[in-house]
Amino acid sequence: MINRDISIRLAAGRGRLVTQLADAAASWGGQVPEDPGITELADLLEAAANGVPARPGDPGPNPRTPLAGAVEDLRAAARLGGLLPAVTLWHLQRAIDQEHTAHQQNTAPARRLGNGR
């Protein structure tokens, strides 16, 4: 009974995190399928990272770095599959955290210029 309860909670957490990552990929311009897999989300965020323009002379952080970290965590989660659900959730949460950092860094120059969202 206890294992079943834990499995249900982990599955719900995974679904919530995948939905957040799909929303994040869409915010970077990705064409997210209706029911995306973790590998598809990694591919979309990798394409977003590759599409982030370099900002020579900008002293601010480049959002490519945390996006690349998010992609690494998504690929790790995809490799784990269902073997270690708690570890998979950890990687998914790390990917979300890094995507949020990238998003903040991507909008930071606009805020510095007074053009914030």
PDB file of N, CA and C in Angstrom:
ATOM      1  N   MET A   1       0.811  -1.192   0.000  1.00  0.00           N
ATOM      2  CA  MET A   1       0.000   0.000   0.000  1.00  0.00           C
ATOM      3  C   MET A   1       0.860   1.265   0.000  1.00  0.00           C
ATOM      4  N   ILE A   2       1.905   1.273   0.804  1.00  0.00           N
ATOM      5  CA  ILE A   2       2.759   2.461   0.883  1.00  0.00           C
ATOM      6  C   ILE A   2       3.456   2.704  -0.457  1.00  0.00           C
ATOM      7  N   ASN A   3       3.979   1.636  -1.071  1.00  0.00           N
ATOM      8  CA  ASN A   3       4.653   1.801  -2.359  1.00  0.00           C
ATOM      9  C   ASN A   3       3.698   2.343  -3.417  1.00  0.00           C
ATOM     10  N   ARG A   4       2.459   1.884  -3.394  1.00  0.00           N
ATOM     11  CA  ARG A   4       1.476   2.358  -4.370  1.00  0.00           C
ATOM     12  C   ARG A   4       1.214   3.848  -4.175  1.00  0.00           C
ATOM     13  N   ASP A   5       1.081   4.303  -2.931  1.00  0.00           N
ATOM     14  CA  ASP A   5       0.856   5.723  -2.651  1.00  0.00           C
ATOM     15  C   ASP A   5       2.023   6.569  -3.139  1.00  0.00           C
ATOM     16  N   ILE A   6       3.219   6.097  -2.881  1.00  0.00           N
ATOM     17  CA  ILE A   6       4.410   6.833  -3.321  1.00  0.00           C
ATOM     18  C   ILE A   6       4.455   6.894  -4.843  1.00  0.00           C
ATOM     19  N   SER A   7       4.166   5.785  -5.495  1.00  0.00           N
ATOM     20  CA  SER A   7       4.178   5.749  -6.957  1.00  0.00           C
ATOM     21  C   SER A   7       3.168   6.729  -7.544  1.00  0.00           C
ATOM     22  N   ILE A   8       1.991   6.798  -6.936  1.00  0.00           N
ATOM     23  CA  ILE A   8       0.967   7.727  -7.421  1.00  0.00           C
ATOM     24  C   ILE A   8       1.439   9.161  -7.267  1.00  0.00           C
ATOM     25  N   ARG A   9       2.037   9.489  -6.114  1.00  0.00           N
ATOM     26  CA  ARG A   9       2.527  10.852  -5.895  1.00  0.00           C
ATOM     27  C   ARG A   9       3.660  11.199  -6.849  1.00  0.00           C
ATOM     28  N   LEU A  10       4.566  10.245  -7.086  1.00  0.00           N
ATOM     29  CA  LEU A  10       5.675  10.501  -8.007  1.00  0.00           C
ATOM     30  C   LEU A  10       5.168  10.689  -9.432  1.00  0.00           C
ATOM     31  N   ALA A  11       4.193   9.898  -9.838  1.00  0.00           N
ATOM     32  CA  ALA A  11       3.636  10.040 -11.185  1.00  0.00           C
ATOM     33  C   ALA A  11       2.960  11.397 -11.346  1.00  0.00           C
ATOM     34  N   ALA A  12       2.247  11.831 -10.317  1.00  0.00           N
ATOM     35  CA  ALA A  12       1.603  13.149 -10.374  1.00  0.00           C
ATOM     36  C   ALA A  12       2.650  14.259 -10.449  1.00  0.00           C
ATOM     37  N   GLY A  13       3.711  14.128  -9.676  1.00  0.00           N
ATOM     38  CA  GLY A  13       4.791  15.116  -9.712  1.00  0.00           C
ATOM     39  C   GLY A  13       5.459  15.158 -11.069  1.00  0.00           C
ATOM     40  N   ARG A  14       5.671  13.993 -11.656  1.00  0.00           N
ATOM     41  CA  ARG A  14       6.291  13.933 -12.977  1.00  0.00           C
ATOM     42  C   ARG A  14       5.409  14.639 -14.002  1.00  0.00           C
ATOM     43  N   GLY A  15       4.122  14.380 -13.959  1.00  0.00           N
ATOM     44  CA  GLY A  15       3.202  15.017 -14.903  1.00  0.00           C
ATOM     45  C   GLY A  15       3.207  16.527 -14.765  1.00  0.00           C
ATOM     46  N   ARG A  16       3.223  17.007 -13.530  1.00  0.00           N
ATOM     47  CA  ARG A  16       3.243  18.453 -13.281  1.00  0.00           C
ATOM     48  C   ARG A  16       4.531  19.073 -13.814  1.00  0.00           C
ATOM     49  N   LEU A  17       5.661  18.413 -13.565  1.00  0.00           N
ATOM     50  CA  LEU A  17       6.947  18.951 -14.013  1.00  0.00           C
ATOM     51  C   LEU A  17       7.059  18.933 -15.541  1.00  0.00           C
ATOM     52  N   VAL A  18       6.576  17.878 -16.167  1.00  0.00           N
ATOM     53  CA  VAL A  18       6.615  17.804 -17.637  1.00  0.00           C
ATOM     54  C   VAL A  18       5.746  18.914 -18.234  1.00  0.00           C
ATOM     55  N   THR A  19       4.598  19.182 -17.613  1.00  0.00           N
ATOM     56  CA  THR A  19       3.739  20.271 -18.087  1.00  0.00           C
ATOM     57  C   THR A  19       4.452  21.612 -17.966  1.00  0.00           C
ATOM     58  N   GLN A  20       5.136  21.841 -16.843  1.00  0.00           N
ATOM     59  CA  GLN A  20       5.885  23.095 -16.667  1.00  0.00           C
ATOM     60  C   GLN A  20       6.992  23.213 -17.704  1.00  0.00           C
ATOM     61  N   LEU A  21       7.680  22.114 -17.978  1.00  0.00           N
ATOM     62  CA  LEU A  21       8.755  22.149 -18.969  1.00  0.00           C
ATOM     63  C   LEU A  21       8.197  22.355 -20.380  1.00  0.00           C
ATOM     64  N   ALA A  22       7.038  21.798 -20.670  1.00  0.00           N
ATOM     65  CA  ALA A  22       6.408  22.022 -21.974  1.00  0.00           C
ATOM     66  C   ALA A  22       6.045  23.495 -22.131  1.00  0.00           C
ATOM     67  N   ASP A  23       5.507  24.089 -21.070  1.00  0.00           N
ATOM     68  CA  ASP A  23       5.189  25.520 -21.106  1.00  0.00           C
ATOM     69  C   ASP A  23       6.458  26.356 -21.312  1.00  0.00           C
ATOM     70  N   ALA A  24       7.535  25.952 -20.640  1.00  0.00           N
ATOM     71  CA  ALA A  24       8.802  26.671 -20.784  1.00  0.00           C
ATOM     72  C   ALA A  24       9.314  26.563 -22.214  1.00  0.00           C
ATOM     73  N   ALA A  25       9.268  25.367 -22.786  1.00  0.00           N
ATOM     74  CA  ALA A  25       9.731  25.181 -24.161  1.00  0.00           C
ATOM     75  C   ALA A  25       8.903  26.032 -25.122  1.00  0.00           C
ATOM     76  N   ALA A  26       7.609  26.110 -24.874  1.00  0.00           N
ATOM     77  CA  ALA A  26       6.745  26.942 -25.722  1.00  0.00           C
ATOM     78  C   ALA A  26       7.103  28.414 -25.583  1.00  0.00           C
ATOM     79  N   SER A  27       7.457  28.833 -24.365  1.00  0.00           N
ATOM     80  CA  SER A  27       7.814  30.242 -24.170  1.00  0.00           C
ATOM     81  C   SER A  27       9.105  30.612 -24.896  1.00  0.00           C
ATOM     82  N   TRP A  28       9.939  29.624 -25.202  1.00  0.00           N
ATOM     83  CA  TRP A  28      11.160  29.857 -25.973  1.00  0.00           C
ATOM     84  C   TRP A  28      10.900  29.709 -27.470  1.00  0.00           C
ATOM     85  N   GLY A  29       9.642  29.509 -27.855  1.00  0.00           N
ATOM     86  CA  GLY A  29       9.292  29.430 -29.270  1.00  0.00           C
ATOM     87  C   GLY A  29       9.201  28.020 -29.816  1.00  0.00           C
ATOM     88  N   GLY A  30       9.308  27.010 -28.959  1.00  0.00           N
ATOM     89  CA  GLY A  30       9.235  25.632 -29.427  1.00  0.00           C
ATOM     90  C   GLY A  30       7.824  25.213 -29.774  1.00  0.00           C
ATOM     91  N   GLN A  31       7.702  24.363 -30.761  1.00  0.00           N
ATOM     92  CA  GLN A  31       6.418  23.789 -31.155  1.00  0.00           C
ATOM     93  C   GLN A  31       6.229  22.502 -30.364  1.00  0.00           C
ATOM     94  N   VAL A  32       5.598  22.603 -29.215  1.00  0.00           N
ATOM     95  CA  VAL A  32       5.465  21.482 -28.297  1.00  0.00           C
ATOM     96  C   VAL A  32       4.318  20.580 -28.744  1.00  0.00           C
ATOM     97  N   PRO A  33       4.584  19.266 -28.892  1.00  0.00           N
ATOM     98  CA  PRO A  33       3.498  18.350 -29.247  1.00  0.00           C
ATOM     99  C   PRO A  33       2.486  18.248 -28.102  1.00  0.00           C
ATOM    100  N   GLU A  34       1.342  17.660 -28.392  1.00  0.00           N
ATOM    101  CA  GLU A  34       0.265  17.581 -27.410  1.00  0.00           C
ATOM    102  C   GLU A  34       0.675  16.824 -26.146  1.00  0.00           C
ATOM    103  N   ASP A  35       1.373  15.730 -26.286  1.00  0.00           N
ATOM    104  CA  ASP A  35       1.794  14.934 -25.133  1.00  0.00           C
ATOM    105  C   ASP A  35       3.298  14.695 -25.240  1.00  0.00           C
ATOM    106  N   PRO A  36       4.105  15.713 -24.906  1.00  0.00           N
ATOM    107  CA  PRO A  36       5.548  15.608 -25.148  1.00  0.00           C
ATOM    108  C   PRO A  36       6.229  14.643 -24.179  1.00  0.00           C
ATOM    109  N   GLY A  37       7.259  14.008 -24.697  1.00  0.00           N
ATOM    110  CA  GLY A  37       8.124  13.191 -23.863  1.00  0.00           C
ATOM    111  C   GLY A  37       9.290  14.036 -23.386  1.00  0.00           C
ATOM    112  N   ILE A  38      10.033  13.490 -22.452  1.00  0.00           N
ATOM    113  CA  ILE A  38      11.163  14.225 -21.880  1.00  0.00           C
ATOM    114  C   ILE A  38      12.232  14.489 -22.942  1.00  0.00           C
ATOM    115  N   THR A  39      12.484  13.521 -23.802  1.00  0.00           N
ATOM    116  CA  THR A  39      13.487  13.710 -24.855  1.00  0.00           C
ATOM    117  C   THR A  39      13.055  14.806 -25.827  1.00  0.00           C
ATOM    118  N   GLU A  40      11.778  14.849 -26.163  1.00  0.00           N
ATOM    119  CA  GLU A  40      11.281  15.906 -27.046  1.00  0.00           C
ATOM    120  C   GLU A  40      11.461  17.280 -26.404  1.00  0.00           C
ATOM    121  N   LEU A  41      11.211  17.364 -25.111  1.00  0.00           N
ATOM    122  CA  LEU A  41      11.393  18.642 -24.418  1.00  0.00           C
ATOM    123  C   LEU A  41      12.873  19.032 -24.388  1.00  0.00           C
ATOM    124  N   ALA A  42      13.739  18.053 -24.203  1.00  0.00           N
ATOM    125  CA  ALA A  42      15.184  18.331 -24.238  1.00  0.00           C
ATOM    126  C   ALA A  42      15.576  18.876 -25.605  1.00  0.00           C
ATOM    127  N   ASP A  43      15.057  18.258 -26.661  1.00  0.00           N
ATOM    128  CA  ASP A  43      15.368  18.717 -28.025  1.00  0.00           C
ATOM    129  C   ASP A  43      14.891  20.154 -28.244  1.00  0.00           C
ATOM    130  N   LEU A  44      13.689  20.461 -27.753  1.00  0.00           N
ATOM    131  CA  LEU A  44      13.139  21.810 -27.929  1.00  0.00           C
ATOM    132  C   LEU A  44      13.962  22.853 -27.177  1.00  0.00           C
ATOM    133  N   LEU A  45      14.357  22.537 -25.936  1.00  0.00           N
ATOM    134  CA  LEU A  45      15.161  23.498 -25.166  1.00  0.00           C
ATOM    135  C   LEU A  45      16.579  23.601 -25.726  1.00  0.00           C
ATOM    136  N   GLU A  46      17.084  22.516 -26.292  1.00  0.00           N
ATOM    137  CA  GLU A  46      18.401  22.581 -26.934  1.00  0.00           C
ATOM    138  C   GLU A  46      18.346  23.505 -28.153  1.00  0.00           C
ATOM    139  N   ALA A  47      17.277  23.394 -28.928  1.00  0.00           N
ATOM    140  CA  ALA A  47      17.113  24.289 -30.079  1.00  0.00           C
ATOM    141  C   ALA A  47      16.993  25.737 -29.607  1.00  0.00           C
ATOM    142  N   ALA A  48      16.303  25.948 -28.487  1.00  0.00           N
ATOM    143  CA  ALA A  48      16.182  27.307 -27.940  1.00  0.00           C
ATOM    144  C   ALA A  48      17.553  27.828 -27.523  1.00  0.00           C
ATOM    145  N   ALA A  49      18.336  26.983 -26.863  1.00  0.00           N
ATOM    146  CA  ALA A  49      19.678  27.396 -26.430  1.00  0.00           C
ATOM    147  C   ALA A  49      20.537  27.763 -27.639  1.00  0.00           C
ATOM    148  N   ASN A  50      20.434  26.973 -28.692  1.00  0.00           N
ATOM    149  CA  ASN A  50      21.213  27.250 -29.903  1.00  0.00           C
ATOM    150  C   ASN A  50      20.743  28.518 -30.602  1.00  0.00           C
ATOM    151  N   GLY A  51      19.487  28.901 -30.368  1.00  0.00           N
ATOM    152  CA  GLY A  51      18.941  30.083 -31.010  1.00  0.00           C
ATOM    153  C   GLY A  51      19.122  31.373 -30.232  1.00  0.00           C
ATOM    154  N   VAL A  52      19.637  31.265 -29.005  1.00  0.00           N
ATOM    155  CA  VAL A  52      19.852  32.476 -28.200  1.00  0.00           C
ATOM    156  C   VAL A  52      21.020  33.239 -28.799  1.00  0.00           C
ATOM    157  N   PRO A  53      20.800  34.484 -29.199  1.00  0.00           N
ATOM    158  CA  PRO A  53      21.893  35.232 -29.816  1.00  0.00           C
ATOM    159  C   PRO A  53      22.993  35.566 -28.810  1.00  0.00           C
ATOM    160  N   ALA A  54      24.208  35.523 -29.307  1.00  0.00           N
ATOM    161  CA  ALA A  54      25.333  35.945 -28.479  1.00  0.00           C
ATOM    162  C   ALA A  54      25.224  37.445 -28.264  1.00  0.00           C
ATOM    163  N   ARG A  55      25.614  37.885 -27.087  1.00  0.00           N
ATOM    164  CA  ARG A  55      25.544  39.316 -26.785  1.00  0.00           C
ATOM    165  C   ARG A  55      26.947  39.810 -26.449  1.00  0.00           C
ATOM    166  N   PRO A  56      27.755  40.027 -27.484  1.00  0.00           N
ATOM    167  CA  PRO A  56      29.112  40.491 -27.220  1.00  0.00           C
ATOM    168  C   PRO A  56      29.092  41.844 -26.519  1.00  0.00           C
ATOM    169  N   GLY A  57      29.924  41.979 -25.534  1.00  0.00           N
ATOM    170  CA  GLY A  57      30.033  43.236 -24.808  1.00  0.00           C
ATOM    171  C   GLY A  57      29.006  43.396 -23.709  1.00  0.00           C
ATOM    172  N   ASP A  58      28.029  42.479 -23.634  1.00  0.00           N
ATOM    173  CA  ASP A  58      27.036  42.545 -22.564  1.00  0.00           C
ATOM    174  C   ASP A  58      27.620  41.860 -21.336  1.00  0.00           C
ATOM    175  N   PRO A  59      27.771  42.588 -20.239  1.00  0.00           N
ATOM    176  CA  PRO A  59      28.384  41.999 -19.057  1.00  0.00           C
ATOM    177  C   PRO A  59      27.461  41.009 -18.337  1.00  0.00           C
ATOM    178  N   GLY A  60      26.209  40.980 -18.699  1.00  0.00           N
ATOM    179  CA  GLY A  60      25.257  40.099 -18.027  1.00  0.00           C
ATOM    180  C   GLY A  60      25.480  38.639 -18.394  1.00  0.00           C
ATOM    181  N   PRO A  61      24.896  37.748 -17.621  1.00  0.00           N
ATOM    182  CA  PRO A  61      25.041  36.317 -17.906  1.00  0.00           C
ATOM    183  C   PRO A  61      24.306  35.922 -19.181  1.00  0.00           C
ATOM    184  N   ASN A  62      24.806  34.917 -19.844  1.00  0.00           N
ATOM    185  CA  ASN A  62      24.206  34.433 -21.079  1.00  0.00           C
ATOM    186  C   ASN A  62      23.230  33.311 -20.742  1.00  0.00           C
ATOM    187  N   PRO A  63      21.980  33.390 -21.203  1.00  0.00           N
ATOM    188  CA  PRO A  63      20.997  32.360 -20.879  1.00  0.00           C
ATOM    189  C   PRO A  63      21.295  30.997 -21.502  1.00  0.00           C
ATOM    190  N   ARG A  64      22.243  30.933 -22.428  1.00  0.00           N
ATOM    191  CA  ARG A  64      22.585  29.634 -23.033  1.00  0.00           C
ATOM    192  C   ARG A  64      23.088  28.648 -21.984  1.00  0.00           C
ATOM    193  N   THR A  65      23.849  29.136 -21.012  1.00  0.00           N
ATOM    194  CA  THR A  65      24.455  28.242 -20.030  1.00  0.00           C
ATOM    195  C   THR A  65      23.412  27.502 -19.197  1.00  0.00           C
ATOM    196  N   PRO A  66      22.458  28.199 -18.565  1.00  0.00           N
ATOM    197  CA  PRO A  66      21.462  27.444 -17.813  1.00  0.00           C
ATOM    198  C   PRO A  66      20.542  26.610 -18.705  1.00  0.00           C
ATOM    199  N   LEU A  67      20.286  27.056 -19.936  1.00  0.00           N
ATOM    200  CA  LEU A  67      19.474  26.237 -20.836  1.00  0.00           C
ATOM    201  C   LEU A  67      20.199  24.938 -21.172  1.00  0.00           C
ATOM    202  N   ALA A  68      21.509  25.018 -21.397  1.00  0.00           N
ATOM    203  CA  ALA A  68      22.288  23.801 -21.659  1.00  0.00           C
ATOM    204  C   ALA A  68      22.241  22.878 -20.443  1.00  0.00           C
ATOM    205  N   GLY A  69      22.282  23.455 -19.243  1.00  0.00           N
ATOM    206  CA  GLY A  69      22.157  22.647 -18.032  1.00  0.00           C
ATOM    207  C   GLY A  69      20.800  21.979 -17.941  1.00  0.00           C
ATOM    208  N   ALA A  70      19.751  22.698 -18.324  1.00  0.00           N
ATOM    209  CA  ALA A  70      18.400  22.123 -18.323  1.00  0.00           C
ATOM    210  C   ALA A  70      18.331  20.946 -19.296  1.00  0.00           C
ATOM    211  N   VAL A  71      18.947  21.106 -20.457  1.00  0.00           N
ATOM    212  CA  VAL A  71      18.961  20.030 -21.451  1.00  0.00           C
ATOM    213  C   VAL A  71      19.682  18.806 -20.889  1.00  0.00           C
ATOM    214  N   GLU A  72      20.808  19.016 -20.220  1.00  0.00           N
ATOM    215  CA  GLU A  72      21.540  17.893 -19.622  1.00  0.00           C
ATOM    216  C   GLU A  72      20.683  17.157 -18.605  1.00  0.00           C
ATOM    217  N   ASP A  73      19.968  17.904 -17.763  1.00  0.00           N
ATOM    218  CA  ASP A  73      19.114  17.263 -16.773  1.00  0.00           C
ATOM    219  C   ASP A  73      17.958  16.516 -17.426  1.00  0.00           C
ATOM    220  N   LEU A  74      17.395  17.078 -18.480  1.00  0.00           N
ATOM    221  CA  LEU A  74      16.320  16.384 -19.180  1.00  0.00           C
ATOM    222  C   LEU A  74      16.829  15.098 -19.830  1.00  0.00           C
ATOM    223  N   ARG A  75      18.007  15.148 -20.400  1.00  0.00           N
ATOM    224  CA  ARG A  75      18.569  13.935 -21.016  1.00  0.00           C
ATOM    225  C   ARG A  75      18.862  12.872 -19.951  1.00  0.00           C
ATOM    226  N   ALA A  76      19.326  13.308 -18.777  1.00  0.00           N
ATOM    227  CA  ALA A  76      19.560  12.359 -17.678  1.00  0.00           C
ATOM    228  C   ALA A  76      18.243  11.733 -17.231  1.00  0.00           C
ATOM    229  N   ALA A  77      17.199  12.551 -17.117  1.00  0.00           N
ATOM    230  CA  ALA A  77      15.881  12.035 -16.726  1.00  0.00           C
ATOM    231  C   ALA A  77      15.364  11.053 -17.772  1.00  0.00           C
ATOM    232  N   ALA A  78      15.586  11.341 -19.041  1.00  0.00           N
ATOM    233  CA  ALA A  78      15.126  10.446 -20.108  1.00  0.00           C
ATOM    234  C   ALA A  78      15.870   9.112 -20.052  1.00  0.00           C
ATOM    235  N   ARG A  79      17.165   9.156 -19.766  1.00  0.00           N
ATOM    236  CA  ARG A  79      17.935   7.916 -19.667  1.00  0.00           C
ATOM    237  C   ARG A  79      17.447   7.052 -18.508  1.00  0.00           C
ATOM    238  N   LEU A  80      17.068   7.685 -17.409  1.00  0.00           N
ATOM    239  CA  LEU A  80      16.602   6.929 -16.243  1.00  0.00           C
ATOM    240  C   LEU A  80      15.245   6.286 -16.485  1.00  0.00           C
ATOM    241  N   GLY A  81      14.435   6.921 -17.302  1.00  0.00           N
ATOM    242  CA  GLY A  81      13.102   6.391 -17.562  1.00  0.00           C
ATOM    243  C   GLY A  81      12.340   6.215 -16.268  1.00  0.00           C
ATOM    244  N   GLY A  82      11.776   5.064 -16.049  1.00  0.00           N
ATOM    245  CA  GLY A  82      11.014   4.791 -14.833  1.00  0.00           C
ATOM    246  C   GLY A  82      11.797   4.034 -13.792  1.00  0.00           C
ATOM    247  N   LEU A  83      13.093   3.872 -13.990  1.00  0.00           N
ATOM    248  CA  LEU A  83      13.884   3.068 -13.062  1.00  0.00           C
ATOM    249  C   LEU A  83      13.996   3.696 -11.683  1.00  0.00           C
ATOM    250  N   LEU A  84      14.267   4.964 -11.627  1.00  0.00           N
ATOM    251  CA  LEU A  84      14.440   5.674 -10.361  1.00  0.00           C
ATOM    252  C   LEU A  84      13.568   6.918 -10.375  1.00  0.00           C
ATOM    253  N   PRO A  85      12.284   6.772 -10.103  1.00  0.00           N
ATOM    254  CA  PRO A  85      11.374   7.913 -10.248  1.00  0.00           C
ATOM    255  C   PRO A  85      11.763   9.137  -9.426  1.00  0.00           C
ATOM    256  N   ALA A  86      12.231   8.952  -8.220  1.00  0.00           N
ATOM    257  CA  ALA A  86      12.586  10.111  -7.389  1.00  0.00           C
ATOM    258  C   ALA A  86      13.771  10.864  -7.983  1.00  0.00           C
ATOM    259  N   VAL A  87      14.729  10.144  -8.525  1.00  0.00           N
ATOM    260  CA  VAL A  87      15.899  10.785  -9.141  1.00  0.00           C
ATOM    261  C   VAL A  87      15.478  11.475 -10.440  1.00  0.00           C
ATOM    262  N   THR A  88      14.587  10.843 -11.178  1.00  0.00           N
ATOM    263  CA  THR A  88      14.064  11.458 -12.398  1.00  0.00           C
ATOM    264  C   THR A  88      13.380  12.778 -12.067  1.00  0.00           C
ATOM    265  N   LEU A  89      12.574  12.792 -11.013  1.00  0.00           N
ATOM    266  CA  LEU A  89      11.902  14.032 -10.603  1.00  0.00           C
ATOM    267  C   LEU A  89      12.916  15.098 -10.215  1.00  0.00           C
ATOM    268  N   TRP A  90      13.984  14.704  -9.554  1.00  0.00           N
ATOM    269  CA  TRP A  90      15.027  15.659  -9.174  1.00  0.00           C
ATOM    270  C   TRP A  90      15.615  16.309 -10.419  1.00  0.00           C
ATOM    271  N   HIS A  91      15.910  15.501 -11.438  1.00  0.00           N
ATOM    272  CA  HIS A  91      16.467  16.049 -12.680  1.00  0.00           C
ATOM    273  C   HIS A  91      15.460  16.961 -13.380  1.00  0.00           C
ATOM    274  N   LEU A  92      14.197  16.582 -13.370  1.00  0.00           N
ATOM    275  CA  LEU A  92      13.176  17.423 -13.996  1.00  0.00           C
ATOM    276  C   LEU A  92      13.060  18.763 -13.265  1.00  0.00           C
ATOM    277  N   GLN A  93      13.088  18.734 -11.939  1.00  0.00           N
ATOM    278  CA  GLN A  93      12.997  19.982 -11.180  1.00  0.00           C
ATOM    279  C   GLN A  93      14.219  20.855 -11.428  1.00  0.00           C
ATOM    280  N   ARG A  94      15.400  20.241 -11.503  1.00  0.00           N
ATOM    281  CA  ARG A  94      16.619  21.004 -11.812  1.00  0.00           C
ATOM    282  C   ARG A  94      16.517  21.647 -13.190  1.00  0.00           C
ATOM    283  N   ALA A  95      15.958  20.918 -14.157  1.00  0.00           N
ATOM    284  CA  ALA A  95      15.789  21.467 -15.506  1.00  0.00           C
ATOM    285  C   ALA A  95      14.876  22.687 -15.466  1.00  0.00           C
ATOM    286  N   ILE A  96      13.802  22.607 -14.690  1.00  0.00           N
ATOM    287  CA  ILE A  96      12.895  23.751 -14.562  1.00  0.00           C
ATOM    288  C   ILE A  96      13.615  24.937 -13.933  1.00  0.00           C
ATOM    289  N   ASP A  97      14.352  24.684 -12.866  1.00  0.00           N
ATOM    290  CA  ASP A  97      15.073  25.760 -12.182  1.00  0.00           C
ATOM    291  C   ASP A  97      16.062  26.449 -13.133  1.00  0.00           C
ATOM    292  N   GLN A  98      16.764  25.658 -13.924  1.00  0.00           N
ATOM    293  CA  GLN A  98      17.748  26.231 -14.848  1.00  0.00           C
ATOM    294  C   GLN A  98      17.066  26.988 -15.989  1.00  0.00           C
ATOM    295  N   GLU A  99      15.926  26.477 -16.449  1.00  0.00           N
ATOM    296  CA  GLU A  99      15.197  27.195 -17.492  1.00  0.00           C
ATOM    297  C   GLU A  99      14.710  28.537 -16.959  1.00  0.00           C
ATOM    298  N   HIS A 100      14.243  28.570 -15.722  1.00  0.00           N
ATOM    299  CA  HIS A 100      13.795  29.836 -15.128  1.00  0.00           C
ATOM    300  C   HIS A 100      14.959  30.825 -15.050  1.00  0.00           C
ATOM    301  N   THR A 101      16.131  30.337 -14.674  1.00  0.00           N
ATOM    302  CA  THR A 101      17.313  31.193 -14.624  1.00  0.00           C
ATOM    303  C   THR A 101      17.627  31.738 -16.013  1.00  0.00           C
ATOM    304  N   ALA A 102      17.560  30.865 -17.021  1.00  0.00           N
ATOM    305  CA  ALA A 102      17.831  31.303 -18.391  1.00  0.00           C
ATOM    306  C   ALA A 102      16.818  32.348 -18.835  1.00  0.00           C
ATOM    307  N   HIS A 103      15.571  32.127 -18.498  1.00  0.00           N
ATOM    308  CA  HIS A 103      14.526  33.082 -18.877  1.00  0.00           C
ATOM    309  C   HIS A 103      14.781  34.441 -18.219  1.00  0.00           C
ATOM    310  N   GLN A 104      15.153  34.435 -16.960  1.00  0.00           N
ATOM    311  CA  GLN A 104      15.452  35.685 -16.256  1.00  0.00           C
ATOM    312  C   GLN A 104      16.660  36.379 -16.881  1.00  0.00           C
ATOM    313  N   GLN A 105      17.670  35.605 -17.246  1.00  0.00           N
ATOM    314  CA  GLN A 105      18.860  36.192 -17.854  1.00  0.00           C
ATOM    315  C   GLN A 105      18.555  36.719 -19.249  1.00  0.00           C
ATOM    316  N   ASN A 106      17.636  36.079 -19.939  1.00  0.00           N
ATOM    317  CA  ASN A 106      17.284  36.502 -21.287  1.00  0.00           C
ATOM    318  C   ASN A 106      16.524  37.823 -21.267  1.00  0.00           C
ATOM    319  N   THR A 107      15.782  38.086 -20.201  1.00  0.00           N
ATOM    320  CA  THR A 107      15.016  39.326 -20.120  1.00  0.00           C
ATOM    321  C   THR A 107      15.751  40.407 -19.337  1.00  0.00           C
ATOM    322  N   ALA A 108      16.864  40.093 -18.715  1.00  0.00           N
ATOM    323  CA  ALA A 108      17.602  41.065 -17.904  1.00  0.00           C
ATOM    324  C   ALA A 108      18.062  42.282 -18.703  1.00  0.00           C
ATOM    325  N   PRO A 109      18.612  42.132 -19.920  1.00  0.00           N
ATOM    326  CA  PRO A 109      19.045  43.334 -20.653  1.00  0.00           C
ATOM    327  C   PRO A 109      17.886  44.278 -20.936  1.00  0.00           C
ATOM    328  N   ALA A 110      16.724  43.728 -21.260  1.00  0.00           N
ATOM    329  CA  ALA A 110      15.568  44.581 -21.535  1.00  0.00           C
ATOM    330  C   ALA A 110      15.168  45.343 -20.289  1.00  0.00           C
ATOM    331  N   ARG A 111      15.240  44.692 -19.135  1.00  0.00           N
ATOM    332  CA  ARG A 111      14.889  45.375 -17.890  1.00  0.00           C
ATOM    333  C   ARG A 111      15.895  46.478 -17.577  1.00  0.00           C
ATOM    334  N   ARG A 112      17.172  46.216 -17.860  1.00  0.00           N
ATOM    335  CA  ARG A 112      18.193  47.232 -17.590  1.00  0.00           C
ATOM    336  C   ARG A 112      17.977  48.464 -18.455  1.00  0.00           C
ATOM    337  N   LEU A 113      17.422  48.252 -19.651  1.00  0.00           N
ATOM    338  CA  LEU A 113      17.188  49.370 -20.563  1.00  0.00           C
ATOM    339  C   LEU A 113      15.819  50.003 -20.335  1.00  0.00           C
ATOM    340  N   GLY A 114      15.055  49.467 -19.389  1.00  0.00           N
ATOM    341  CA  GLY A 114      13.732  50.001 -19.109  1.00  0.00           C
ATOM    342  C   GLY A 114      12.650  49.465 -20.011  1.00  0.00           C
ATOM    343  N   ASN A 115      12.955  48.374 -20.729  1.00  0.00           N
ATOM    344  CA  ASN A 115      11.980  47.786 -21.639  1.00  0.00           C
ATOM    345  C   ASN A 115      11.471  46.466 -21.105  1.00  0.00           C
ATOM    346  N   GLY A 116      11.430  46.258 -19.801  1.00  0.00           N
ATOM    347  CA  GLY A 116      11.040  44.966 -19.216  1.00  0.00           C
ATOM    348  C   GLY A 116       9.658  44.551 -19.602  1.00  0.00           C
ATOM    349  N   ARG A 117       9.431  43.212 -19.478  1.00  0.00           N
ATOM    350  CA  ARG A 117       8.126  42.644 -19.819  1.00  0.00           C
ATOM    351  C   ARG A 117       7.122  42.918 -18.757  1.00  0.00           C
TER     352      ARG A 117
END
